[in-house]
Amino acid sequence: MSAPAVEASGVGRTFPDGTVALRDASFAAPAGKITVLVGPSGCGKTTMLRIIGGLDAPTAGEVRVGGAPAPAAGGPQAPGAARAAFAFQEPRLLPWRTVLSNVALPLELAGVPRGERSARAREALRLVCLPDAERKLPGHLSGGMRMRAAIARALVTRPSLLLLDEPFGALDEITRNLLDDMLLGLNASLGMTVLLVTHSITEATYLGDRVVVMAPAPGRTVRTVDPAFASRTPALRATAEFAACAADILRTLGEASVRAVEAA
């Protein structure tokens, strides 16, 4: 593994109403790799992702991105800091704008000239295999195509850190598997660091160069697993090696849940 691109050390997050979303959560995400945060609802996965991306701030501990403190929530990005981009659970495309203009929107807001932003948006659509959808409205796309457009919108900024919050959770299994393979291809070709939040143990096992297992009550990291598959292709999902790794992660989650119930 390469040096960490993201390091979380003893991170805690308590909301004003007293809810403890995270307590003493720690992990490292290697640069240029896919790190997956997996766990049940309420274990703080999304909160951690928001802290890493500068959309929230910890109340304890520290997150470092590229060796520097994570950007303050709502504050400007420090010079030289890693360029981070988000794709959320919902595509959040503007229904009155074409796919091309939706993808180009971050560049438009940044003041990039029209010709350059259109060219970069077309390149981002090519990367997610949507070159023929640029003139369509979001309402004319399938759910999988809308999510690919949302990922293209994140890629158009050329980020070094891509943060994905359960982007494929609402899709059917076949489409989800196809987009998982697309994400592997993007990571290999672009060399960016990816942090992915998911509830799916299968998806975490398949995609993760590193899998961070999280558990609730309160949200915390309980184990880090580095699957050591020789290659990741669709055939991997049917192997005994893959099943054993997924079962190991499932067992960790089950044991953590039992401990949480016993401590309640």
Protein backbone atom coordinates (compact mmCIF):
# COMPACT_ATOMS: atom_id res chain seq x y z
CA MET A 1 0.00 0.00 0.00
CA SER A 2 1.11 3.56 -0.72
CA ALA A 3 1.24 6.38 1.83
CA PRO A 4 -2.14 7.45 3.26
CA ALA A 5 -4.10 10.10 1.39
CA VAL A 6 -6.56 10.42 4.28
CA GLU A 7 -5.88 9.77 7.96
CA ALA A 8 -8.57 9.86 10.65
CA SER A 9 -7.26 9.81 14.23
CA GLY A 10 -9.61 9.43 17.19
CA VAL A 11 -12.41 11.26 15.39
CA GLY A 12 -15.56 12.05 17.33
CA ARG A 13 -18.68 13.94 16.32
CA THR A 14 -21.37 14.92 18.81
CA PHE A 15 -24.30 16.95 17.47
CA PRO A 16 -25.86 19.86 19.41
CA ASP A 17 -28.79 17.67 20.50
CA GLY A 18 -26.36 15.30 22.21
CA THR A 19 -26.41 12.58 19.56
CA VAL A 20 -22.99 10.91 19.32
CA ALA A 21 -22.46 10.07 15.65
CA LEU A 22 -18.79 9.09 15.97
CA ARG A 23 -16.47 8.25 18.86
CA ASP A 24 -12.74 7.53 18.58
CA ALA A 25 -12.88 6.49 14.90
CA SER A 26 -9.49 5.93 13.25
CA PHE A 27 -8.32 4.64 9.87
CA ALA A 28 -5.99 5.44 6.97
CA ALA A 29 -6.93 5.51 3.27
CA PRO A 30 -4.01 4.76 0.89
CA ALA A 31 -3.38 7.18 -1.95
CA GLY A 32 -4.64 6.12 -5.36
CA LYS A 33 -6.69 3.24 -3.93
CA ILE A 34 -10.34 2.57 -3.11
CA THR A 35 -11.15 2.58 0.61
CA VAL A 36 -14.64 1.45 1.58
CA LEU A 37 -16.47 2.34 4.80
CA VAL A 38 -18.97 -0.46 5.45
CA GLY A 39 -21.44 -0.87 8.27
CA PRO A 40 -25.10 -0.61 9.28
CA SER A 41 -27.19 2.56 9.31
CA GLY A 42 -26.29 4.85 12.18
CA CYS A 43 -22.61 3.94 12.42
CA GLY A 44 -21.36 7.34 11.24
CA LYS A 45 -20.16 6.45 7.73
CA THR A 46 -21.73 9.47 6.06
CA THR A 47 -20.72 11.77 8.91
CA MET A 48 -17.11 10.66 8.48
CA LEU A 49 -17.28 11.27 4.73
CA ARG A 50 -18.70 14.76 5.30
CA ILE A 51 -15.89 15.58 7.73
CA ILE A 52 -13.25 14.40 5.25
CA GLY A 53 -14.83 16.57 2.53
CA GLY A 54 -15.11 19.66 4.71
CA LEU A 55 -18.93 19.61 4.93
CA ASP A 56 -18.83 18.95 8.68
CA ALA A 57 -16.27 19.21 11.45
CA PRO A 58 -15.24 16.77 14.21
CA THR A 59 -15.78 17.60 17.86
CA ALA A 60 -12.80 15.41 18.80
CA GLY A 61 -9.77 14.02 17.03
CA GLU A 62 -8.42 15.03 13.64
CA VAL A 63 -8.71 14.22 9.94
CA ARG A 64 -5.78 14.90 7.64
CA VAL A 65 -6.09 14.90 3.85
CA GLY A 66 -2.88 14.74 1.88
CA GLY A 67 -0.93 15.41 5.08
CA ALA A 68 -2.83 18.62 5.87
CA PRO A 69 -5.85 19.14 8.16
CA ALA A 70 -9.17 18.50 6.42
CA PRO A 71 -10.82 21.72 5.24
CA ALA A 72 -12.92 23.49 7.84
CA ALA A 73 -16.66 23.08 7.34
CA GLY A 74 -17.86 25.92 5.13
CA GLY A 75 -14.38 27.42 4.89
CA PRO A 76 -12.12 27.96 1.88
CA GLN A 77 -9.88 25.18 0.62
CA ALA A 78 -6.25 25.62 1.58
CA PRO A 79 -3.77 26.24 -1.27
CA GLY A 80 -2.31 22.96 -2.50
CA ALA A 81 -4.94 20.87 -0.70
CA ALA A 82 -6.32 17.74 -2.33
CA ARG A 83 -9.17 18.51 -4.71
CA ALA A 84 -12.17 16.60 -3.38
CA ALA A 85 -15.48 15.95 -5.13
CA PHE A 86 -18.69 14.33 -3.87
CA ALA A 87 -21.33 12.08 -5.38
CA PHE A 88 -24.27 11.51 -3.04
CA GLN A 89 -26.96 8.85 -2.65
CA GLU A 90 -29.24 10.83 -4.99
CA PRO A 91 -27.92 12.12 -8.33
CA ARG A 92 -29.27 15.62 -7.61
CA LEU A 93 -29.30 16.63 -11.27
CA LEU A 94 -31.17 19.80 -12.21
CA PRO A 95 -34.17 18.56 -14.24
CA TRP A 96 -34.33 21.58 -16.57
CA ARG A 97 -30.69 21.34 -17.64
CA THR A 98 -29.30 18.88 -20.17
CA VAL A 99 -26.93 16.18 -19.00
CA LEU A 100 -24.00 18.09 -20.50
CA SER A 101 -24.89 21.33 -18.71
CA ASN A 102 -25.47 19.44 -15.44
CA VAL A 103 -22.01 17.89 -15.67
CA ALA A 104 -20.45 21.24 -16.57
CA LEU A 105 -22.17 23.10 -13.70
CA PRO A 106 -19.22 23.02 -11.22
CA LEU A 107 -16.99 24.54 -13.90
CA GLU A 108 -19.62 27.16 -14.74
CA LEU A 109 -19.83 28.16 -11.08
CA ALA A 110 -16.02 28.39 -11.00
CA GLY A 111 -16.01 30.77 -13.97
CA VAL A 112 -14.41 28.39 -16.47
CA PRO A 113 -14.99 29.60 -20.08
CA ARG A 114 -17.86 27.95 -21.94
CA GLY A 115 -15.74 26.15 -24.53
CA GLU A 116 -13.41 24.61 -21.95
CA ARG A 117 -16.18 23.52 -19.61
CA SER A 118 -18.12 21.89 -22.45
CA ALA A 119 -15.03 20.00 -23.59
CA ARG A 120 -14.26 18.83 -20.06
CA ALA A 121 -17.90 17.82 -19.48
CA ARG A 122 -17.88 15.73 -22.67
CA GLU A 123 -14.67 14.05 -21.55
CA ALA A 124 -16.20 13.26 -18.15
CA LEU A 125 -19.27 11.77 -19.85
CA ARG A 126 -16.99 9.65 -22.02
CA LEU A 127 -15.25 8.34 -18.90
CA VAL A 128 -18.57 7.09 -17.49
CA CYS A 129 -19.73 5.73 -20.88
CA LEU A 130 -22.46 8.33 -21.46
CA PRO A 131 -21.20 10.18 -24.56
CA ASP A 132 -24.56 9.93 -26.32
CA ALA A 133 -26.61 11.36 -23.44
CA GLU A 134 -25.29 14.92 -23.40
CA ARG A 135 -28.38 16.53 -24.97
CA LYS A 136 -30.91 14.57 -22.90
CA LEU A 137 -32.71 15.80 -19.82
CA PRO A 138 -32.23 13.83 -16.58
CA GLY A 139 -35.86 12.68 -16.65
CA HIS A 140 -35.15 10.74 -19.84
CA LEU A 141 -32.38 8.67 -18.24
CA SER A 142 -32.51 5.44 -16.26
CA GLY A 143 -31.48 5.46 -12.61
CA GLY A 144 -28.07 4.02 -13.43
CA MET A 145 -27.49 6.59 -16.16
CA ARG A 146 -28.44 9.44 -13.83
CA MET A 147 -25.95 8.19 -11.26
CA ARG A 148 -23.24 7.94 -13.92
CA ALA A 149 -24.00 11.55 -14.87
CA ALA A 150 -23.64 12.56 -11.21
CA ILE A 151 -20.25 10.84 -11.05
CA ALA A 152 -19.24 12.60 -14.28
CA ARG A 153 -20.17 15.91 -12.64
CA ALA A 154 -17.79 15.05 -9.80
CA LEU A 155 -15.03 13.97 -12.19
CA VAL A 156 -15.26 17.13 -14.29
CA THR A 157 -13.36 19.05 -11.59
CA ARG A 158 -10.48 16.56 -11.95
CA PRO A 159 -10.40 15.69 -8.24
CA SER A 160 -7.59 13.80 -6.56
CA LEU A 161 -10.08 12.58 -3.92
CA LEU A 162 -13.51 11.22 -4.87
CA LEU A 163 -16.03 10.81 -2.04
CA LEU A 164 -19.00 8.55 -2.79
CA ASP A 165 -21.90 8.23 -0.36
CA GLU A 166 -23.81 5.00 -1.17
CA PRO A 167 -24.10 6.01 -4.84
CA PHE A 168 -25.41 2.68 -6.13
CA GLY A 169 -27.64 1.65 -3.23
CA ALA A 170 -30.95 2.31 -4.99
CA LEU A 171 -30.05 0.41 -8.16
CA ASP A 172 -30.84 -3.17 -9.14
CA GLU A 173 -28.09 -5.71 -8.55
CA ILE A 174 -27.11 -6.10 -12.21
CA THR A 175 -26.74 -2.34 -12.74
CA ARG A 176 -24.96 -1.99 -9.43
CA ASN A 177 -22.39 -4.62 -10.40
CA LEU A 178 -21.80 -2.91 -13.74
CA LEU A 179 -21.22 0.45 -12.05
CA ASP A 180 -18.89 -1.16 -9.51
CA ASP A 181 -16.78 -2.36 -12.44
CA MET A 182 -16.95 1.13 -13.97
CA LEU A 183 -15.64 2.58 -10.71
CA LEU A 184 -12.73 0.12 -10.70
CA GLY A 185 -11.89 1.20 -14.25
CA LEU A 186 -12.02 4.90 -13.34
CA ASN A 187 -9.77 4.35 -10.35
CA ALA A 188 -7.26 2.43 -12.47
CA SER A 189 -7.21 4.96 -15.32
CA LEU A 190 -7.30 8.20 -13.30
CA GLY A 191 -5.27 7.14 -10.26
CA MET A 192 -7.42 9.12 -7.84
CA THR A 193 -8.10 8.15 -4.24
CA VAL A 194 -11.68 6.95 -3.68
CA LEU A 195 -13.59 6.75 -0.41
CA LEU A 196 -16.88 4.88 -0.75
CA VAL A 197 -19.65 4.48 1.83
CA THR A 198 -21.84 1.39 1.47
CA HIS A 199 -24.11 -0.95 3.43
CA SER A 200 -23.28 -3.81 1.05
CA ILE A 201 -20.69 -6.30 2.28
CA THR A 202 -20.44 -7.77 -1.22
CA GLU A 203 -19.75 -4.36 -2.76
CA ALA A 204 -17.21 -3.49 -0.05
CA THR A 205 -15.38 -6.78 -0.55
CA TYR A 206 -15.31 -6.42 -4.33
CA LEU A 207 -14.24 -2.77 -4.55
CA GLY A 208 -12.12 -2.21 -1.49
CA ASP A 209 -8.35 -2.17 -1.58
CA ARG A 210 -9.04 -1.38 2.06
CA VAL A 211 -12.30 -2.06 3.92
CA VAL A 212 -12.97 -0.12 7.11
CA VAL A 213 -15.59 -1.95 9.17
CA MET A 214 -17.76 0.36 11.29
CA ALA A 215 -20.34 -0.32 13.99
CA PRO A 216 -22.86 1.86 15.87
CA ALA A 217 -23.60 2.74 19.48
CA PRO A 218 -21.75 5.05 19.06
CA GLY A 219 -20.30 5.10 15.54
CA ARG A 220 -16.79 3.73 15.57
CA THR A 221 -14.26 1.80 13.52
CA VAL A 222 -13.83 -1.78 14.68
CA ARG A 223 -11.47 -3.34 12.12
CA THR A 224 -9.58 -2.72 8.88
CA VAL A 225 -9.38 -5.43 6.21
CA ASP A 226 -7.14 -5.32 3.12
CA PRO A 227 -8.53 -7.87 0.61
CA ALA A 228 -5.60 -9.32 -1.32
CA PHE A 229 -7.20 -10.49 -4.56
CA ALA A 230 -4.91 -10.99 -7.54
CA SER A 231 -7.42 -9.17 -9.77
CA ARG A 232 -10.94 -7.81 -9.63
CA THR A 233 -13.16 -9.00 -12.46
CA PRO A 234 -16.82 -10.08 -12.42
CA ALA A 235 -15.72 -13.72 -12.09
CA LEU A 236 -14.17 -12.92 -8.69
CA ARG A 237 -17.61 -12.69 -7.10
CA ALA A 238 -18.16 -16.43 -7.67
CA THR A 239 -14.93 -17.62 -6.07
CA ALA A 240 -14.41 -19.28 -2.68
CA GLU A 241 -11.72 -16.70 -1.91
CA PHE A 242 -14.21 -13.87 -2.34
CA ALA A 243 -16.87 -15.64 -0.29
CA ALA A 244 -14.40 -16.23 2.55
CA CYS A 245 -13.37 -12.56 2.65
CA ALA A 246 -16.99 -11.36 2.62
CA ALA A 247 -17.86 -13.85 5.37
CA ASP A 248 -14.95 -12.57 7.47
CA ILE A 249 -16.25 -9.00 7.19
CA LEU A 250 -19.80 -10.14 7.95
CA ARG A 251 -18.58 -11.99 11.03
CA THR A 252 -16.82 -8.85 12.28
CA LEU A 253 -20.02 -6.82 11.84
CA GLY A 254 -22.07 -9.48 13.61
CA GLU A 255 -19.71 -9.66 16.57
CA ALA A 256 -19.67 -5.85 16.85
CA SER A 257 -23.48 -5.75 16.80
CA VAL A 258 -23.68 -8.33 19.59
CA ARG A 259 -21.28 -6.31 21.72
CA ALA A 260 -23.30 -3.15 21.08
CA VAL A 261 -26.52 -4.87 22.21
CA GLU A 262 -24.84 -6.27 25.31
CA ALA A 263 -23.47 -2.84 26.23
CA ALA A 264 -26.82 -1.09 25.78
